Amino acid sequence: MHKLVYVLTIDDLGKHQAWYFPMIEEGGYDEATIKPANEAIISGQEFVLEVKVDFTDSLGNEYMGFFYHGESELSLLQPCMYLGEKAINFWFGIVEPNVQELEDLSFPIYAESLEVFG
């Protein structure tokens, strides 16, 4: 199974909490292709991972989303949070935020990523 990162859904994250970019594998995958990760696949490899994240706003509302694993700066994490089925990207380096979508949120927003592999 593989898909493009920008069509990842809540259901996908529910089934697989970590996804990797298989660009270094054979098969001609492009930089937007991701596949479900497991410990055996990524063990000893230098894959870029996207991991499931639980977001909570200042009112206690919970949302699911993902960000890049192993980064520390917000611009590198490229967090993405789902409002219903709509993905809201908080990496504003290229894409401007939709102000109407942000009005429904109560800032600050906190993120927690749980351990997926041992």
N, C-alpha and C. Protein backbone atom coordinates (compact mmCIF):
# COMPACT_ATOMS: atom_id res chain seq x y z
N MET A 1 0.84 -1.18 0.00
CA MET A 1 0.00 0.00 0.00
C MET A 1 0.89 1.25 0.00
N HIS A 2 0.57 2.19 -0.82
CA HIS A 2 1.23 3.48 -0.79
C HIS A 2 0.22 4.55 -1.22
N LYS A 3 0.50 5.78 -0.82
CA LYS A 3 -0.37 6.89 -1.22
C LYS A 3 0.42 8.18 -1.16
N LEU A 4 -0.18 9.23 -1.63
CA LEU A 4 0.47 10.53 -1.58
C LEU A 4 0.22 11.18 -0.23
N VAL A 5 1.24 11.81 0.33
CA VAL A 5 1.15 12.36 1.67
C VAL A 5 0.02 13.36 1.82
N TYR A 6 -0.29 14.09 0.79
CA TYR A 6 -1.31 15.12 0.90
C TYR A 6 -2.73 14.57 0.79
N VAL A 7 -2.89 13.25 0.65
CA VAL A 7 -4.23 12.65 0.71
C VAL A 7 -4.35 11.67 1.89
N LEU A 8 -3.42 11.74 2.82
CA LEU A 8 -3.49 10.93 4.04
C LEU A 8 -4.74 11.32 4.82
N THR A 9 -5.47 10.34 5.33
CA THR A 9 -6.73 10.60 6.03
C THR A 9 -6.65 10.18 7.49
N ILE A 10 -7.68 10.57 8.24
CA ILE A 10 -7.79 10.15 9.63
C ILE A 10 -7.85 8.62 9.71
N ASP A 11 -8.58 8.00 8.80
CA ASP A 11 -8.66 6.53 8.79
C ASP A 11 -7.29 5.91 8.57
N ASP A 12 -6.49 6.49 7.68
CA ASP A 12 -5.13 5.99 7.45
C ASP A 12 -4.30 6.05 8.72
N LEU A 13 -4.39 7.17 9.45
CA LEU A 13 -3.63 7.32 10.69
C LEU A 13 -4.14 6.38 11.78
N GLY A 14 -5.42 6.07 11.74
CA GLY A 14 -5.97 5.12 12.69
C GLY A 14 -5.45 3.70 12.46
N LYS A 15 -5.19 3.36 11.21
CA LYS A 15 -4.69 2.03 10.86
C LYS A 15 -3.18 1.92 11.01
N HIS A 16 -2.47 3.00 10.70
CA HIS A 16 -1.00 3.00 10.73
C HIS A 16 -0.54 4.32 11.35
N GLN A 17 0.10 4.26 12.52
CA GLN A 17 0.49 5.47 13.22
C GLN A 17 1.78 6.09 12.71
N ALA A 18 2.51 5.37 11.90
CA ALA A 18 3.74 5.91 11.32
C ALA A 18 3.78 5.57 9.83
N TRP A 19 4.26 6.54 9.05
CA TRP A 19 4.38 6.39 7.60
C TRP A 19 5.78 6.82 7.21
N TYR A 20 6.34 6.20 6.19
CA TYR A 20 7.67 6.59 5.74
C TYR A 20 7.66 6.93 4.26
N PHE A 21 8.66 7.72 3.88
CA PHE A 21 8.84 8.12 2.49
C PHE A 21 9.83 7.14 1.86
N PRO A 22 9.39 6.28 0.94
CA PRO A 22 10.23 5.22 0.39
C PRO A 22 11.12 5.65 -0.78
N MET A 23 11.53 6.90 -0.81
CA MET A 23 12.29 7.40 -1.97
C MET A 23 13.57 6.62 -2.22
N ILE A 24 14.17 6.04 -1.16
CA ILE A 24 15.43 5.32 -1.37
C ILE A 24 15.21 3.87 -1.79
N GLU A 25 13.95 3.42 -1.79
CA GLU A 25 13.65 2.08 -2.26
C GLU A 25 13.56 2.06 -3.79
N GLU A 26 13.70 0.87 -4.33
CA GLU A 26 13.48 0.73 -5.77
C GLU A 26 11.99 0.86 -6.05
N GLY A 27 11.64 1.32 -7.19
CA GLY A 27 10.23 1.40 -7.56
C GLY A 27 9.82 2.75 -8.08
N GLY A 28 10.73 3.71 -8.08
CA GLY A 28 10.44 4.99 -8.68
C GLY A 28 9.45 5.86 -7.92
N TYR A 29 9.43 5.77 -6.60
CA TYR A 29 8.52 6.60 -5.81
C TYR A 29 8.99 8.05 -5.83
N ASP A 30 8.04 8.97 -5.87
CA ASP A 30 8.42 10.39 -5.82
C ASP A 30 8.43 10.88 -4.38
N GLU A 31 8.77 12.13 -4.19
CA GLU A 31 8.95 12.68 -2.84
C GLU A 31 7.65 12.84 -2.06
N ALA A 32 6.50 12.70 -2.68
CA ALA A 32 5.22 12.83 -1.99
C ALA A 32 4.60 11.47 -1.63
N THR A 33 5.24 10.38 -2.03
CA THR A 33 4.70 9.04 -1.77
C THR A 33 5.10 8.58 -0.37
N ILE A 34 4.11 8.03 0.35
CA ILE A 34 4.36 7.47 1.67
C ILE A 34 3.79 6.06 1.74
N LYS A 35 4.34 5.27 2.66
CA LYS A 35 3.89 3.90 2.88
C LYS A 35 3.81 3.67 4.38
N PRO A 36 2.93 2.77 4.83
CA PRO A 36 2.88 2.46 6.26
C PRO A 36 4.23 1.92 6.73
N ALA A 37 4.64 2.37 7.90
CA ALA A 37 5.93 1.95 8.46
C ALA A 37 5.71 0.89 9.52
N ASN A 38 6.68 0.01 9.65
CA ASN A 38 6.74 -0.89 10.80
C ASN A 38 8.20 -0.99 11.21
N GLU A 39 8.43 -1.51 12.39
CA GLU A 39 9.79 -1.51 12.94
C GLU A 39 10.77 -2.26 12.06
N ALA A 40 10.34 -3.36 11.46
CA ALA A 40 11.23 -4.15 10.61
C ALA A 40 11.67 -3.37 9.38
N ILE A 41 10.76 -2.60 8.79
CA ILE A 41 11.07 -1.85 7.58
C ILE A 41 12.06 -0.73 7.85
N ILE A 42 11.87 0.01 8.93
CA ILE A 42 12.69 1.20 9.16
C ILE A 42 13.93 0.94 10.01
N SER A 43 14.04 -0.24 10.59
CA SER A 43 15.19 -0.56 11.43
C SER A 43 16.49 -0.42 10.65
N GLY A 44 17.36 0.45 11.11
CA GLY A 44 18.66 0.65 10.48
C GLY A 44 18.63 1.47 9.21
N GLN A 45 17.48 1.96 8.82
CA GLN A 45 17.35 2.76 7.60
C GLN A 45 17.24 4.24 7.95
N GLU A 46 17.48 5.08 7.00
CA GLU A 46 17.41 6.52 7.18
C GLU A 46 16.17 7.09 6.48
N PHE A 47 15.01 6.58 6.82
CA PHE A 47 13.78 7.05 6.22
C PHE A 47 13.27 8.29 6.95
N VAL A 48 12.61 9.17 6.22
CA VAL A 48 11.88 10.27 6.83
C VAL A 48 10.52 9.71 7.22
N LEU A 49 10.11 9.98 8.46
CA LEU A 49 8.85 9.46 8.97
C LEU A 49 7.84 10.56 9.23
N GLU A 50 6.59 10.24 9.01
CA GLU A 50 5.48 11.06 9.50
C GLU A 50 4.78 10.22 10.54
N VAL A 51 4.50 10.82 11.70
CA VAL A 51 3.88 10.07 12.79
C VAL A 51 2.58 10.72 13.23
N LYS A 52 1.68 9.87 13.71
CA LYS A 52 0.39 10.34 14.21
C LYS A 52 0.63 11.20 15.46
N VAL A 53 -0.14 12.27 15.56
CA VAL A 53 -0.04 13.19 16.69
C VAL A 53 -1.46 13.50 17.18
N ASP A 54 -1.61 13.57 18.49
CA ASP A 54 -2.86 14.01 19.09
C ASP A 54 -2.70 15.48 19.48
N PHE A 55 -3.54 16.33 18.92
CA PHE A 55 -3.53 17.76 19.21
C PHE A 55 -4.65 18.08 20.19
N THR A 56 -4.41 19.04 21.08
CA THR A 56 -5.44 19.53 22.01
C THR A 56 -5.37 21.05 22.03
N ASP A 57 -6.53 21.69 21.84
CA ASP A 57 -6.53 23.16 21.90
C ASP A 57 -6.73 23.62 23.34
N SER A 58 -6.70 24.90 23.57
CA SER A 58 -6.74 25.45 24.92
C SER A 58 -8.06 25.19 25.64
N LEU A 59 -9.11 24.80 24.91
CA LEU A 59 -10.39 24.47 25.53
C LEU A 59 -10.55 22.98 25.79
N GLY A 60 -9.54 22.20 25.43
CA GLY A 60 -9.59 20.75 25.63
C GLY A 60 -10.15 19.97 24.46
N ASN A 61 -10.45 20.64 23.36
CA ASN A 61 -10.92 19.94 22.15
C ASN A 61 -9.76 19.14 21.56
N GLU A 62 -10.02 17.90 21.17
CA GLU A 62 -8.96 17.04 20.66
C GLU A 62 -9.10 16.82 19.16
N TYR A 63 -7.95 16.76 18.51
CA TYR A 63 -7.88 16.58 17.06
C TYR A 63 -6.75 15.60 16.75
N MET A 64 -6.87 14.89 15.66
CA MET A 64 -5.82 14.00 15.20
C MET A 64 -5.05 14.68 14.09
N GLY A 65 -3.80 14.30 13.94
CA GLY A 65 -2.99 14.84 12.86
C GLY A 65 -1.66 14.11 12.78
N PHE A 66 -0.68 14.75 12.16
CA PHE A 66 0.65 14.15 12.03
C PHE A 66 1.70 15.23 11.89
N PHE A 67 2.96 14.86 12.14
CA PHE A 67 4.09 15.71 11.80
C PHE A 67 5.32 14.86 11.54
N TYR A 68 6.35 15.51 11.03
CA TYR A 68 7.60 14.81 10.72
C TYR A 68 8.30 14.45 12.01
N HIS A 69 8.71 13.22 12.13
CA HIS A 69 9.40 12.72 13.31
C HIS A 69 10.86 13.18 13.32
N GLY A 70 11.35 13.52 14.50
CA GLY A 70 12.76 13.80 14.68
C GLY A 70 13.17 15.24 14.50
N GLU A 71 12.27 16.10 14.11
CA GLU A 71 12.58 17.51 13.94
C GLU A 71 12.18 18.26 15.21
N SER A 72 12.76 19.44 15.41
CA SER A 72 12.43 20.18 16.62
C SER A 72 11.84 21.55 16.35
N GLU A 73 12.14 22.13 15.20
CA GLU A 73 11.59 23.45 14.88
C GLU A 73 10.22 23.29 14.23
N LEU A 74 9.29 24.16 14.59
CA LEU A 74 7.93 24.07 14.06
C LEU A 74 7.91 24.06 12.54
N SER A 75 8.73 24.88 11.91
CA SER A 75 8.73 24.94 10.44
C SER A 75 9.21 23.62 9.83
N LEU A 76 10.01 22.84 10.56
CA LEU A 76 10.49 21.55 10.05
C LEU A 76 9.54 20.41 10.38
N LEU A 77 8.80 20.53 11.47
CA LEU A 77 7.82 19.50 11.84
C LEU A 77 6.68 19.45 10.84
N GLN A 78 6.35 20.57 10.26
CA GLN A 78 5.26 20.69 9.29
C GLN A 78 3.97 20.04 9.80
N PRO A 79 3.50 20.43 10.99
CA PRO A 79 2.31 19.78 11.55
C PRO A 79 1.08 19.96 10.68
N CYS A 80 0.27 18.92 10.69
CA CYS A 80 -0.99 18.91 9.96
C CYS A 80 -2.05 18.34 10.91
N MET A 81 -3.18 19.04 11.05
CA MET A 81 -4.22 18.66 11.98
C MET A 81 -5.54 18.58 11.22
N TYR A 82 -6.37 17.61 11.58
CA TYR A 82 -7.65 17.44 10.91
C TYR A 82 -8.77 18.10 11.70
N LEU A 83 -9.53 18.95 11.02
CA LEU A 83 -10.79 19.49 11.55
C LEU A 83 -11.87 18.75 10.80
N GLY A 84 -12.47 17.76 11.44
CA GLY A 84 -13.35 16.86 10.70
C GLY A 84 -12.49 16.08 9.71
N GLU A 85 -12.86 16.10 8.47
CA GLU A 85 -12.06 15.43 7.43
C GLU A 85 -11.10 16.38 6.72
N LYS A 86 -11.14 17.66 7.07
CA LYS A 86 -10.32 18.68 6.42
C LYS A 86 -8.95 18.77 7.10
N ALA A 87 -7.89 18.65 6.32
CA ALA A 87 -6.53 18.76 6.84
C ALA A 87 -6.12 20.23 6.90
N ILE A 88 -5.67 20.66 8.06
CA ILE A 88 -5.19 22.03 8.27
C ILE A 88 -3.68 21.96 8.48
N ASN A 89 -2.94 22.58 7.59
CA ASN A 89 -1.49 22.55 7.66
C ASN A 89 -0.98 23.79 8.37
N PHE A 90 -0.13 23.59 9.37
CA PHE A 90 0.42 24.71 10.13
C PHE A 90 1.82 25.08 9.68
N TRP A 91 2.24 24.56 8.54
CA TRP A 91 3.54 24.95 8.00
C TRP A 91 3.27 26.04 6.98
N PHE A 92 3.49 27.27 7.39
CA PHE A 92 3.09 28.40 6.56
C PHE A 92 4.24 28.95 5.71
N GLY A 93 5.26 28.17 5.53
CA GLY A 93 6.37 28.64 4.72
C GLY A 93 6.00 28.85 3.27
N ILE A 94 5.07 28.05 2.77
CA ILE A 94 4.68 28.15 1.37
C ILE A 94 3.20 28.51 1.24
N VAL A 95 2.36 27.88 2.07
CA VAL A 95 0.92 28.05 1.95
C VAL A 95 0.41 28.97 3.05
N GLU A 96 -0.35 29.97 2.67
CA GLU A 96 -0.95 30.88 3.66
C GLU A 96 -2.11 30.16 4.36
N PRO A 97 -2.28 30.37 5.66
CA PRO A 97 -3.39 29.73 6.36
C PRO A 97 -4.73 30.33 5.95
N ASN A 98 -5.74 29.49 6.02
CA ASN A 98 -7.10 29.95 5.77
C ASN A 98 -7.62 30.50 7.09
N VAL A 99 -7.81 31.79 7.18
CA VAL A 99 -8.19 32.46 8.42
C VAL A 99 -9.51 31.91 8.96
N GLN A 100 -10.46 31.59 8.10
CA GLN A 100 -11.75 31.06 8.55
C GLN A 100 -11.59 29.74 9.28
N GLU A 101 -10.68 28.88 8.80
CA GLU A 101 -10.44 27.61 9.48
C GLU A 101 -9.81 27.83 10.84
N LEU A 102 -8.90 28.79 10.94
CA LEU A 102 -8.21 29.05 12.19
C LEU A 102 -9.12 29.68 13.24
N GLU A 103 -10.18 30.36 12.81
CA GLU A 103 -11.10 30.99 13.75
C GLU A 103 -11.84 29.96 14.60
N ASP A 104 -11.96 28.72 14.13
CA ASP A 104 -12.64 27.67 14.88
C ASP A 104 -11.76 27.04 15.95
N LEU A 105 -10.49 27.41 16.01
CA LEU A 105 -9.55 26.82 16.96
C LEU A 105 -9.31 27.75 18.13
N SER A 106 -8.97 27.16 19.27
CA SER A 106 -8.64 27.94 20.46
C SER A 106 -7.16 27.76 20.75
N PHE A 107 -6.38 28.77 20.45
CA PHE A 107 -4.94 28.71 20.65
C PHE A 107 -4.60 29.04 22.10
N PRO A 108 -3.50 28.50 22.63
CA PRO A 108 -2.51 27.67 21.94
C PRO A 108 -3.00 26.25 21.75
N ILE A 109 -2.33 25.56 20.84
CA ILE A 109 -2.62 24.16 20.55
C ILE A 109 -1.39 23.34 20.94
N TYR A 110 -1.63 22.25 21.63
CA TYR A 110 -0.57 21.38 22.10
C TYR A 110 -0.58 20.09 21.29
N ALA A 111 0.59 19.50 21.11
CA ALA A 111 0.71 18.25 20.35
C ALA A 111 1.42 17.21 21.19
N GLU A 112 0.95 15.97 21.07
CA GLU A 112 1.59 14.85 21.76
C GLU A 112 1.70 13.69 20.79
N SER A 113 2.92 13.21 20.62
CA SER A 113 3.16 12.04 19.79
C SER A 113 3.54 10.88 20.71
N LEU A 114 2.85 9.77 20.56
CA LEU A 114 3.11 8.61 21.41
C LEU A 114 4.12 7.69 20.74
N GLU A 115 4.85 6.93 21.54
CA GLU A 115 5.83 6.00 21.00
C GLU A 115 5.13 4.93 20.18
N VAL A 116 5.63 4.70 18.97
CA VAL A 116 5.03 3.72 18.08
C VAL A 116 5.82 2.43 18.08
N PHE A 117 7.15 2.54 17.97
CA PHE A 117 8.01 1.37 17.92
C PHE A 117 8.91 1.36 19.14
N GLY A 118 9.06 0.17 19.77
CA GLY A 118 9.87 -0.10 20.93
C GLY A 118 10.88 0.86 21.27
